[in-house]
């Protein structure tokens, strides 16, 4: 029996809605064995981030090396990396093991405004990590930083995707959740040759904590199971749509999504 295995390299969220915790829940729900390398410990809940404590880069590299030399992930995702030193260490390990199903979620700012990626780390991200990535999944503000330009229209999103792809990443997915211009949330996919739009109804809810982490983790789980990049993104979009539509409504602020909603829906259809 071949067991699909997925590795997340990200920060720990004490509230359980994002980061390592969200990634492992997503891997499990989609049938992939989850492994982790923690980059930082955060003090947070649905009300915001009160502290970020990054691990030494050597500790991050050691965790990845331990997983790579024994368990051998079929797909890898990165989330909160925080510093240039950690990004360099992560890129070194990815190169060492020759992993090519790599999903980069360029986590920069928490919903409450806390900085989760230092300014000097953006250059390391584009120079070292994106050339190793199969898919990168920025939201619109993150895409603006990576592309170095404002984005106010779908055409500007397309232009930004082309610019980001020039860093060497194979597929760019610019998420549409931060664009309130319509009743739909439209994600834009660019594979280096053509564009695809994935539209889903926009849900009026404050419970969207960890959506980016969960979406990229779902892509990673599907890649680990052997899906093509396009198939993985489409499944992940359905997964996060279900998670948002059936939010748990817990916490006093921006609450977490429902990581088991997608599986529950599939079971009801059977």
Protein backbone atom coordinates (compact mmCIF):
# COMPACT_ATOMS: atom_id res chain seq x y z
CA UNK A 1 0.00 0.00 0.00
CA UNK A 2 1.39 3.37 -1.05
CA UNK A 3 0.64 6.10 1.47
CA UNK A 4 0.66 9.70 0.13
CA UNK A 5 2.79 11.87 2.41
CA UNK A 6 2.78 15.67 2.70
CA UNK A 7 5.18 17.93 4.59
CA UNK A 8 4.29 21.40 5.83
CA UNK A 9 7.01 23.90 6.71
CA UNK A 10 5.27 26.69 8.59
CA UNK A 11 4.52 28.42 11.86
CA UNK A 12 2.48 27.09 14.76
CA UNK A 13 -0.89 28.74 15.48
CA UNK A 14 -1.92 28.29 19.11
CA UNK A 15 -5.53 28.98 18.09
CA UNK A 16 -5.51 26.01 15.72
CA UNK A 17 -7.06 27.76 12.73
CA UNK A 18 -4.01 28.43 10.59
CA UNK A 19 -0.39 27.40 10.16
CA UNK A 20 0.86 23.92 11.01
CA UNK A 21 -2.38 23.01 12.76
CA UNK A 22 -4.59 23.88 9.77
CA UNK A 23 -2.22 22.15 7.38
CA UNK A 24 -2.17 18.86 9.28
CA UNK A 25 -5.96 18.86 9.62
CA UNK A 26 -6.29 19.44 5.88
CA UNK A 27 -3.80 16.71 4.99
CA UNK A 28 -5.70 14.26 7.19
CA UNK A 29 -9.10 15.18 5.75
CA UNK A 30 -7.86 14.68 2.19
CA UNK A 31 -6.17 11.35 2.87
CA UNK A 32 -2.49 12.30 3.07
CA UNK A 33 -0.16 11.49 5.96
CA UNK A 34 1.00 14.83 7.37
CA UNK A 35 4.46 15.77 8.62
CA UNK A 36 5.73 19.13 9.83
CA UNK A 37 8.73 21.37 10.28
CA UNK A 38 7.91 24.30 12.56
CA UNK A 39 9.49 27.64 11.65
CA UNK A 40 8.08 29.77 14.46
CA UNK A 41 5.78 29.63 17.45
CA UNK A 42 3.06 32.28 17.45
CA UNK A 43 0.88 33.47 20.29
CA UNK A 44 -2.50 33.96 18.67
CA UNK A 45 -6.21 33.30 18.69
CA UNK A 46 -9.13 34.54 16.60
CA UNK A 47 -8.58 38.08 17.92
CA UNK A 48 -5.05 38.44 16.59
CA UNK A 49 -1.34 37.66 16.92
CA UNK A 50 0.29 38.73 20.18
CA UNK A 51 3.77 37.32 19.62
CA UNK A 52 6.04 35.60 17.10
CA UNK A 53 9.01 33.50 18.21
CA UNK A 54 11.02 32.19 15.25
CA UNK A 55 13.13 29.08 15.59
CA UNK A 56 16.81 29.10 14.62
CA UNK A 57 17.30 28.31 10.93
CA UNK A 58 19.35 25.25 11.88
CA UNK A 59 16.42 23.86 13.86
CA UNK A 60 14.12 24.30 10.87
CA UNK A 61 16.64 22.64 8.55
CA UNK A 62 17.08 19.79 11.02
CA UNK A 63 13.37 19.03 11.11
CA UNK A 64 13.15 18.98 7.31
CA UNK A 65 16.25 16.79 7.06
CA UNK A 66 14.83 14.31 9.58
CA UNK A 67 11.63 13.97 7.58
CA UNK A 68 13.39 13.83 4.23
CA UNK A 69 15.89 11.13 5.17
CA UNK A 70 13.28 8.79 6.63
CA UNK A 71 9.68 9.40 5.56
CA UNK A 72 10.19 11.03 2.16
CA UNK A 73 7.30 13.44 1.44
CA UNK A 74 5.53 13.22 -1.90
CA UNK A 75 4.69 16.94 -1.79
CA UNK A 76 5.81 19.89 0.32
CA UNK A 77 4.28 23.23 1.22
CA UNK A 78 5.76 26.28 2.87
CA UNK A 79 3.78 28.79 4.90
CA UNK A 80 5.08 31.33 7.37
CA UNK A 81 8.88 31.46 7.00
CA UNK A 82 9.47 34.82 8.71
CA UNK A 83 13.13 35.51 7.92
CA UNK A 84 15.68 35.35 5.11
CA UNK A 85 17.80 32.91 7.11
CA UNK A 86 14.92 30.46 7.43
CA UNK A 87 14.06 30.80 3.75
CA UNK A 88 17.68 30.06 2.80
CA UNK A 89 17.69 26.98 5.05
CA UNK A 90 14.40 25.72 3.61
CA UNK A 91 15.56 26.25 0.03
CA UNK A 92 18.80 24.38 0.76
CA UNK A 93 16.88 21.37 2.05
CA UNK A 94 14.46 21.35 -0.89
CA UNK A 95 17.41 21.40 -3.27
CA UNK A 96 19.22 18.68 -1.32
CA UNK A 97 16.30 16.27 -1.60
CA UNK A 98 15.31 17.33 -5.10
CA UNK A 99 11.66 17.85 -4.20
CA UNK A 100 9.70 19.23 -7.13
CA UNK A 101 6.08 19.17 -5.92
CA UNK A 102 6.49 22.27 -3.79
CA UNK A 103 3.68 24.71 -2.97
CA UNK A 104 4.67 28.13 -1.63
CA UNK A 105 2.10 30.11 0.33
CA UNK A 106 3.90 33.47 0.71
CA UNK A 107 2.49 34.32 4.14
CA UNK A 108 3.31 37.97 4.85
CA UNK A 109 0.71 39.65 7.06
CA UNK A 110 -1.77 38.13 9.52
CA UNK A 111 -5.42 39.20 9.26
CA UNK A 112 -4.93 41.32 12.37
CA UNK A 113 -2.00 43.14 10.77
CA UNK A 114 0.96 41.37 12.42
CA UNK A 115 4.03 41.06 10.21
CA UNK A 116 4.76 37.40 9.46
CA UNK A 117 7.50 37.93 6.86
CA UNK A 118 10.27 40.46 7.32
CA UNK A 119 10.92 42.93 4.52
CA UNK A 120 14.41 41.54 3.88
CA UNK A 121 12.94 38.06 3.46
CA UNK A 122 10.92 38.94 0.36
CA UNK A 123 14.08 39.09 -1.76
CA UNK A 124 15.17 35.68 -0.46
CA UNK A 125 11.71 34.30 -1.20
CA UNK A 126 11.77 35.40 -4.84
CA UNK A 127 15.44 34.56 -5.39
CA UNK A 128 15.73 31.19 -3.64
CA UNK A 129 12.30 29.66 -3.05
CA UNK A 130 10.09 30.58 -6.00
CA UNK A 131 12.47 29.02 -8.57
CA UNK A 132 12.03 25.72 -6.68
CA UNK A 133 8.25 25.94 -6.49
CA UNK A 134 5.66 24.20 -8.61
CA UNK A 135 2.84 26.48 -7.40
CA UNK A 136 2.72 29.78 -5.52
CA UNK A 137 -0.55 30.96 -3.96
CA UNK A 138 -0.47 34.68 -3.06
CA UNK A 139 -3.55 36.69 -2.17
CA UNK A 140 -3.86 40.06 -3.89
CA UNK A 141 -1.83 42.08 -1.32
CA UNK A 142 0.92 39.44 -1.39
CA UNK A 143 0.88 39.42 -5.20
CA UNK A 144 1.32 43.20 -5.15
CA UNK A 145 4.47 42.79 -3.05
CA UNK A 146 5.89 39.98 -5.17
CA UNK A 147 5.14 41.74 -8.46
CA UNK A 148 6.07 45.18 -7.19
CA UNK A 149 2.92 46.85 -8.50
CA UNK A 150 -0.64 47.66 -7.38
CA UNK A 151 -3.49 45.40 -8.48
CA UNK A 152 -6.94 46.89 -8.98
CA UNK A 153 -8.36 44.87 -11.87
CA UNK A 154 -8.30 41.38 -13.37
CA UNK A 155 -6.03 42.62 -16.14
CA UNK A 156 -3.54 43.88 -13.55
CA UNK A 157 -3.80 40.52 -11.81
CA UNK A 158 -2.85 38.82 -15.06
CA UNK A 159 0.12 41.13 -15.49
CA UNK A 160 1.22 40.46 -11.91
CA UNK A 161 0.95 36.70 -12.46
CA UNK A 162 3.24 36.93 -15.48
CA UNK A 163 5.77 38.93 -13.47
CA UNK A 164 5.70 36.46 -10.57
CA UNK A 165 6.10 33.51 -12.94
CA UNK A 166 9.32 35.08 -14.20
CA UNK A 167 10.93 34.20 -10.85
CA UNK A 168 10.81 30.58 -12.01
CA UNK A 169 7.67 29.19 -10.40
CA UNK A 170 5.65 26.91 -12.71
CA UNK A 171 2.11 27.99 -11.75
CA UNK A 172 0.83 31.17 -10.12
CA UNK A 173 -2.53 31.20 -8.34
CA UNK A 174 -3.60 34.70 -7.29
CA UNK A 175 -6.51 34.28 -4.90
CA UNK A 176 -9.50 36.57 -5.20
CA UNK A 177 -10.73 36.71 -1.64
CA UNK A 178 -9.39 40.25 -1.11
CA UNK A 179 -11.26 41.61 -4.14
CA UNK A 180 -14.74 42.69 -2.98
CA UNK A 181 -15.76 43.99 -6.39
CA UNK A 182 -18.28 41.24 -7.14
CA UNK A 183 -20.52 38.61 -5.58
CA UNK A 184 -17.96 35.99 -6.58
CA UNK A 185 -14.45 35.26 -5.37
CA UNK A 186 -12.37 34.60 -8.47
CA UNK A 187 -9.01 32.86 -8.29
CA UNK A 188 -6.68 33.37 -11.25
CA UNK A 189 -4.40 30.53 -12.40
CA UNK A 190 -1.45 31.12 -14.72
CA UNK A 191 0.63 28.17 -15.92
CA UNK A 192 3.16 30.12 -17.95
CA UNK A 193 1.06 29.94 -21.12
CA UNK A 194 -2.62 30.45 -20.36
CA UNK A 195 -4.98 31.82 -17.70
CA UNK A 196 -7.84 30.03 -15.98
CA UNK A 197 -10.39 31.64 -13.66
CA UNK A 198 -12.09 29.69 -10.86
CA UNK A 199 -15.15 31.50 -9.53
CA UNK A 200 -17.15 30.58 -6.46
CA UNK A 201 -19.86 32.51 -4.56
CA UNK A 202 -18.47 35.02 -2.08
CA UNK A 203 -19.55 34.17 1.46
CA UNK A 204 -20.40 37.01 3.84
CA UNK A 205 -18.58 35.86 6.99
CA UNK A 206 -15.86 37.01 9.35
CA UNK A 207 -14.76 33.42 9.95
CA UNK A 208 -11.95 33.16 7.41
CA UNK A 209 -8.92 32.64 9.64
CA UNK A 210 -6.46 30.27 8.00
CA UNK A 211 -8.08 30.18 4.56
CA UNK A 212 -4.77 30.71 2.76
CA UNK A 213 -2.98 28.02 4.77
CA UNK A 214 -5.84 25.58 4.28
CA UNK A 215 -6.10 26.21 0.53
CA UNK A 216 -2.39 25.67 -0.09
CA UNK A 217 -2.38 22.61 2.19
CA UNK A 218 -5.25 21.12 0.18
CA UNK A 219 -3.28 21.64 -3.03
CA UNK A 220 -0.28 19.93 -1.42
CA UNK A 221 -2.32 16.94 -0.26
CA UNK A 222 -3.76 16.44 -3.73
CA UNK A 223 -0.31 16.68 -5.33
CA UNK A 224 0.95 14.08 -2.85
CA UNK A 225 -1.86 11.79 -4.02
CA UNK A 226 -0.75 12.18 -7.64
CA UNK A 227 -3.09 14.88 -8.96
CA UNK A 228 -1.90 17.25 -11.66
CA UNK A 229 -1.33 20.88 -10.59
CA UNK A 230 -4.54 22.03 -12.24
CA UNK A 231 -6.58 19.21 -10.71
CA UNK A 232 -5.06 19.89 -7.29
CA UNK A 233 -5.97 23.58 -7.42
CA UNK A 234 -9.57 22.89 -8.46
CA UNK A 235 -10.07 20.33 -5.68
CA UNK A 236 -8.49 22.71 -3.16
CA UNK A 237 -10.87 25.45 -4.26
CA UNK A 238 -13.85 23.20 -3.60
CA UNK A 239 -12.34 22.17 -0.26
CA UNK A 240 -11.87 25.74 1.00
CA UNK A 241 -15.29 26.80 -0.31
CA UNK A 242 -16.93 24.11 1.81
CA UNK A 243 -14.76 25.05 4.79
CA UNK A 244 -15.86 28.70 4.57
CA UNK A 245 -19.53 27.97 3.87
CA UNK A 246 -19.77 25.74 6.94
CA UNK A 247 -17.64 27.84 9.30
CA UNK A 248 -17.65 26.75 12.93
CA UNK A 249 -18.51 30.16 14.40
CA UNK A 250 -16.08 29.87 17.30
CA UNK A 251 -13.93 32.58 18.86
CA UNK A 252 -14.57 36.26 19.38
CA UNK A 253 -12.82 37.46 16.23
CA UNK A 254 -12.00 36.03 12.80
CA UNK A 255 -12.79 32.40 13.48
CA UNK A 256 -11.40 29.29 11.77
CA UNK A 257 -12.89 27.51 8.81
CA UNK A 258 -14.41 24.03 9.01
CA UNK A 259 -11.75 21.55 7.95
CA UNK A 260 -14.10 18.55 7.88
CA UNK A 261 -16.90 20.16 5.84
CA UNK A 262 -15.61 18.91 2.48
CA UNK A 263 -15.39 15.28 3.66
CA UNK A 264 -18.81 15.48 5.28
CA UNK A 265 -20.35 16.73 2.04
CA UNK A 266 -18.79 13.91 0.05
CA UNK A 267 -20.07 11.35 2.54
CA UNK A 268 -23.60 12.76 2.27
CA UNK A 269 -23.53 12.36 -1.52
CA UNK A 270 -22.67 8.66 -1.32
